[in-house]
Amino acid sequence: NEYWRHGSVCEDYSKILCPILLIGGFADLYNSSIFRLMNKLKCEKRSILGPWGHQWPDDAYPGPQIGFLQEIVQWLDYHIKKINHDYENKELF
C-alpha cells in the first residue's frame, strides 16, 4: 500500500542521486536487492558483499571479518570531506 511504497527505493531509482555504499551478504535473505540496486541505480555506487548473513561485515559469521569501519570512513572521507586516499583507484573484486 501507499504507506510502504513511499519508503521503498525500488519505486523510482532515478530519484536517488547521491553516492550509495551498499552492504550485504550472500547468505542474507535480501541479497538480491544489492544486485538489483547495482544494476538499476545511475548514481555513483559501490558494494561490499561477503559470505555472511544479515549482519554487519566486521562481526559476521562466517568470516572474513573485514575492516568494515575503515571502509565506511574511506567512503565518507571521499564523498563528504573530499579526502581522496586514492579511493577511486581502490581495487574492486
N, C-alpha and C. Protein backbone atom coordinates (compact mmCIF):
# COMPACT_ATOMS: atom_id res chain seq x y z
N ASN A 1 0.83 -1.19 0.00
CA ASN A 1 0.00 0.00 0.00
C ASN A 1 0.87 1.25 0.00
N GLU A 2 0.25 2.39 0.00
CA GLU A 2 0.96 3.67 -0.13
C GLU A 2 1.92 3.93 1.03
N TYR A 3 1.58 3.48 2.23
CA TYR A 3 2.44 3.69 3.40
C TYR A 3 3.83 3.10 3.16
N TRP A 4 3.89 1.87 2.66
CA TRP A 4 5.17 1.20 2.45
C TRP A 4 5.83 1.66 1.16
N ARG A 5 5.07 2.03 0.17
CA ARG A 5 5.63 2.41 -1.12
C ARG A 5 6.53 3.65 -1.00
N HIS A 6 6.16 4.60 -0.16
CA HIS A 6 6.95 5.84 -0.08
C HIS A 6 8.35 5.59 0.45
N GLY A 7 8.59 4.53 1.19
CA GLY A 7 9.91 4.26 1.74
C GLY A 7 10.73 3.28 0.93
N SER A 8 10.19 2.81 -0.17
CA SER A 8 10.88 1.80 -0.97
C SER A 8 11.74 2.47 -2.04
N VAL A 9 13.00 2.05 -2.12
CA VAL A 9 13.88 2.61 -3.14
C VAL A 9 13.54 2.10 -4.53
N CYS A 10 12.82 1.00 -4.62
CA CYS A 10 12.58 0.41 -5.94
C CYS A 10 11.41 1.06 -6.68
N GLU A 11 10.76 2.03 -6.09
CA GLU A 11 9.65 2.69 -6.77
C GLU A 11 10.13 3.67 -7.84
N ASP A 12 11.27 4.31 -7.60
CA ASP A 12 11.81 5.24 -8.60
C ASP A 12 13.31 5.41 -8.37
N TYR A 13 14.09 4.57 -9.03
CA TYR A 13 15.54 4.60 -8.87
C TYR A 13 16.14 5.94 -9.29
N SER A 14 15.50 6.62 -10.20
CA SER A 14 16.05 7.89 -10.71
C SER A 14 16.06 8.99 -9.66
N LYS A 15 15.31 8.83 -8.58
CA LYS A 15 15.29 9.84 -7.52
C LYS A 15 16.52 9.76 -6.62
N ILE A 16 17.26 8.68 -6.72
CA ILE A 16 18.46 8.52 -5.90
C ILE A 16 19.63 9.11 -6.67
N LEU A 17 20.14 10.23 -6.18
CA LEU A 17 21.18 10.97 -6.89
C LEU A 17 22.52 10.97 -6.16
N CYS A 18 22.51 10.72 -4.87
CA CYS A 18 23.75 10.78 -4.09
C CYS A 18 24.51 9.46 -4.21
N PRO A 19 25.81 9.46 -3.95
CA PRO A 19 26.59 8.22 -3.97
C PRO A 19 26.06 7.25 -2.91
N ILE A 20 26.06 5.97 -3.26
CA ILE A 20 25.49 4.94 -2.39
C ILE A 20 26.53 3.85 -2.14
N LEU A 21 26.70 3.47 -0.87
CA LEU A 21 27.52 2.32 -0.49
C LEU A 21 26.56 1.23 -0.02
N LEU A 22 26.47 0.16 -0.79
CA LEU A 22 25.56 -0.94 -0.49
C LEU A 22 26.33 -2.03 0.25
N ILE A 23 25.72 -2.58 1.30
CA ILE A 23 26.37 -3.59 2.12
C ILE A 23 25.44 -4.78 2.25
N GLY A 24 25.95 -5.97 1.96
CA GLY A 24 25.12 -7.15 2.07
C GLY A 24 25.94 -8.42 2.11
N GLY A 25 25.25 -9.50 2.44
CA GLY A 25 25.89 -10.80 2.50
C GLY A 25 25.20 -11.78 1.56
N PHE A 26 25.98 -12.70 1.04
CA PHE A 26 25.41 -13.70 0.14
C PHE A 26 24.42 -14.61 0.86
N ALA A 27 24.59 -14.79 2.18
CA ALA A 27 23.68 -15.64 2.95
C ALA A 27 22.49 -14.84 3.50
N ASP A 28 22.41 -13.58 3.19
CA ASP A 28 21.30 -12.73 3.62
C ASP A 28 20.09 -13.01 2.73
N LEU A 29 18.93 -13.10 3.33
CA LEU A 29 17.72 -13.34 2.55
C LEU A 29 17.42 -12.20 1.58
N TYR A 30 17.97 -11.01 1.84
CA TYR A 30 17.73 -9.85 1.00
C TYR A 30 18.87 -9.58 0.02
N ASN A 31 19.71 -10.57 -0.27
CA ASN A 31 20.90 -10.32 -1.08
C ASN A 31 20.58 -9.90 -2.52
N SER A 32 19.43 -10.23 -3.03
CA SER A 32 19.11 -9.84 -4.41
C SER A 32 18.95 -8.33 -4.55
N SER A 33 18.61 -7.65 -3.47
CA SER A 33 18.43 -6.20 -3.56
C SER A 33 19.75 -5.49 -3.88
N ILE A 34 20.87 -6.00 -3.40
CA ILE A 34 22.17 -5.40 -3.70
C ILE A 34 22.43 -5.45 -5.20
N PHE A 35 22.22 -6.60 -5.79
CA PHE A 35 22.46 -6.76 -7.23
C PHE A 35 21.49 -5.92 -8.06
N ARG A 36 20.24 -5.88 -7.63
CA ARG A 36 19.24 -5.08 -8.34
C ARG A 36 19.62 -3.60 -8.29
N LEU A 37 20.01 -3.11 -7.11
CA LEU A 37 20.40 -1.71 -6.98
C LEU A 37 21.66 -1.40 -7.79
N MET A 38 22.62 -2.30 -7.79
CA MET A 38 23.84 -2.06 -8.58
C MET A 38 23.51 -1.94 -10.07
N ASN A 39 22.52 -2.67 -10.52
CA ASN A 39 22.13 -2.63 -11.93
C ASN A 39 21.24 -1.44 -12.27
N LYS A 40 20.38 -1.03 -11.36
CA LYS A 40 19.37 -0.02 -11.68
C LYS A 40 19.80 1.41 -11.37
N LEU A 41 20.60 1.60 -10.33
CA LEU A 41 20.98 2.96 -9.94
C LEU A 41 21.92 3.58 -10.96
N LYS A 42 21.70 4.84 -11.26
CA LYS A 42 22.56 5.59 -12.18
C LYS A 42 23.60 6.42 -11.43
N CYS A 43 23.41 6.61 -10.14
CA CYS A 43 24.35 7.39 -9.34
C CYS A 43 25.62 6.57 -9.10
N GLU A 44 26.63 7.23 -8.53
CA GLU A 44 27.84 6.51 -8.17
C GLU A 44 27.50 5.52 -7.07
N LYS A 45 28.01 4.31 -7.21
CA LYS A 45 27.68 3.28 -6.22
C LYS A 45 28.83 2.29 -6.10
N ARG A 46 28.88 1.66 -4.96
CA ARG A 46 29.85 0.61 -4.68
C ARG A 46 29.20 -0.34 -3.68
N SER A 47 29.59 -1.59 -3.72
CA SER A 47 29.00 -2.55 -2.78
C SER A 47 30.08 -3.33 -2.06
N ILE A 48 29.74 -3.73 -0.85
CA ILE A 48 30.56 -4.64 -0.06
C ILE A 48 29.71 -5.88 0.16
N LEU A 49 30.17 -7.00 -0.38
CA LEU A 49 29.45 -8.27 -0.26
C LEU A 49 30.41 -9.32 0.28
N GLY A 50 29.87 -10.23 1.08
CA GLY A 50 30.69 -11.31 1.61
C GLY A 50 29.84 -12.51 1.96
N PRO A 51 30.44 -13.52 2.60
CA PRO A 51 29.75 -14.77 2.86
C PRO A 51 28.83 -14.75 4.08
N TRP A 52 28.62 -13.60 4.67
CA TRP A 52 27.83 -13.51 5.89
C TRP A 52 26.34 -13.41 5.60
N GLY A 53 25.56 -13.46 6.67
CA GLY A 53 24.11 -13.31 6.56
C GLY A 53 23.70 -11.87 6.80
N HIS A 54 22.60 -11.69 7.49
CA HIS A 54 22.04 -10.35 7.74
C HIS A 54 22.73 -9.76 8.97
N GLN A 55 24.03 -9.46 8.81
CA GLN A 55 24.85 -8.94 9.90
C GLN A 55 25.82 -7.92 9.32
N TRP A 56 26.44 -7.14 10.20
CA TRP A 56 27.50 -6.23 9.76
C TRP A 56 28.74 -7.04 9.46
N PRO A 57 29.47 -6.69 8.41
CA PRO A 57 30.62 -7.48 7.98
C PRO A 57 31.75 -7.59 9.00
N ASP A 58 31.88 -6.64 9.91
CA ASP A 58 33.00 -6.68 10.85
C ASP A 58 32.83 -7.70 11.96
N ASP A 59 31.61 -8.19 12.19
CA ASP A 59 31.43 -9.22 13.22
C ASP A 59 30.58 -10.38 12.72
N ALA A 60 30.51 -10.53 11.42
CA ALA A 60 29.65 -11.55 10.82
C ALA A 60 30.27 -12.94 10.89
N TYR A 61 29.39 -13.92 10.85
CA TYR A 61 29.81 -15.32 10.75
C TYR A 61 29.26 -15.87 9.45
N PRO A 62 29.97 -16.65 8.69
CA PRO A 62 31.41 -16.89 8.85
C PRO A 62 32.19 -15.71 8.31
N GLY A 63 33.44 -15.62 8.65
CA GLY A 63 34.29 -14.54 8.17
C GLY A 63 34.28 -14.47 6.66
N PRO A 64 35.13 -13.74 5.99
CA PRO A 64 36.16 -12.97 6.67
C PRO A 64 35.59 -11.72 7.30
N GLN A 65 36.06 -11.43 8.47
CA GLN A 65 35.64 -10.20 9.14
C GLN A 65 36.53 -9.09 8.61
N ILE A 66 35.97 -8.25 7.81
CA ILE A 66 36.75 -7.20 7.14
C ILE A 66 36.86 -5.96 8.01
N GLY A 67 37.74 -5.06 7.62
CA GLY A 67 37.85 -3.77 8.29
C GLY A 67 36.70 -2.87 7.85
N PHE A 68 35.52 -3.23 8.26
CA PHE A 68 34.30 -2.57 7.80
C PHE A 68 34.27 -1.08 8.15
N LEU A 69 34.64 -0.74 9.36
CA LEU A 69 34.61 0.67 9.77
C LEU A 69 35.61 1.49 8.95
N GLN A 70 36.75 0.91 8.63
CA GLN A 70 37.72 1.60 7.79
C GLN A 70 37.15 1.85 6.39
N GLU A 71 36.41 0.90 5.86
CA GLU A 71 35.77 1.08 4.56
C GLU A 71 34.75 2.22 4.60
N ILE A 72 33.98 2.28 5.67
CA ILE A 72 32.98 3.34 5.83
C ILE A 72 33.67 4.70 5.92
N VAL A 73 34.73 4.78 6.72
CA VAL A 73 35.46 6.04 6.88
C VAL A 73 36.03 6.49 5.54
N GLN A 74 36.61 5.57 4.77
CA GLN A 74 37.16 5.94 3.46
C GLN A 74 36.06 6.43 2.53
N TRP A 75 34.92 5.76 2.54
CA TRP A 75 33.78 6.16 1.70
C TRP A 75 33.32 7.56 2.07
N LEU A 76 33.13 7.81 3.37
CA LEU A 76 32.67 9.12 3.83
C LEU A 76 33.72 10.20 3.59
N ASP A 77 34.99 9.88 3.86
CA ASP A 77 36.06 10.84 3.57
C ASP A 77 36.03 11.26 2.11
N TYR A 78 35.87 10.29 1.23
CA TYR A 78 35.91 10.57 -0.21
C TYR A 78 34.71 11.39 -0.66
N HIS A 79 33.53 11.03 -0.20
CA HIS A 79 32.31 11.66 -0.72
C HIS A 79 31.84 12.89 0.06
N ILE A 80 32.20 12.99 1.32
CA ILE A 80 31.75 14.15 2.10
C ILE A 80 32.88 15.15 2.32
N LYS A 81 34.02 14.64 2.77
CA LYS A 81 35.14 15.54 3.07
C LYS A 81 36.02 15.81 1.85
N LYS A 82 35.82 15.06 0.78
CA LYS A 82 36.63 15.19 -0.44
C LYS A 82 38.10 14.87 -0.19
N ILE A 83 38.35 13.95 0.74
CA ILE A 83 39.70 13.44 1.00
C ILE A 83 39.87 12.18 0.17
N ASN A 84 40.87 12.14 -0.67
CA ASN A 84 40.96 11.08 -1.67
C ASN A 84 41.48 9.75 -1.14
N HIS A 85 42.62 9.70 -0.50
CA HIS A 85 43.25 8.44 -0.07
C HIS A 85 43.38 7.47 -1.25
N ASP A 86 43.41 7.98 -2.49
CA ASP A 86 43.48 7.13 -3.68
C ASP A 86 42.27 6.19 -3.77
N TYR A 87 41.14 6.63 -3.24
CA TYR A 87 39.94 5.79 -3.14
C TYR A 87 39.40 5.35 -4.50
N GLU A 88 39.42 6.26 -5.48
CA GLU A 88 38.85 5.89 -6.78
C GLU A 88 39.66 4.81 -7.48
N ASN A 89 40.91 4.60 -7.05
CA ASN A 89 41.75 3.55 -7.63
C ASN A 89 41.76 2.27 -6.79
N LYS A 90 40.93 2.24 -5.76
CA LYS A 90 40.88 1.07 -4.89
C LYS A 90 40.43 -0.14 -5.69
N GLU A 91 41.11 -1.25 -5.46
CA GLU A 91 40.80 -2.47 -6.20
C GLU A 91 39.41 -2.97 -5.84
N LEU A 92 38.65 -3.27 -6.86
CA LEU A 92 37.32 -3.83 -6.68
C LEU A 92 37.35 -5.28 -7.13
N PHE A 93 36.68 -6.14 -6.39
CA PHE A 93 36.57 -7.51 -6.83
C PHE A 93 35.24 -8.07 -6.55
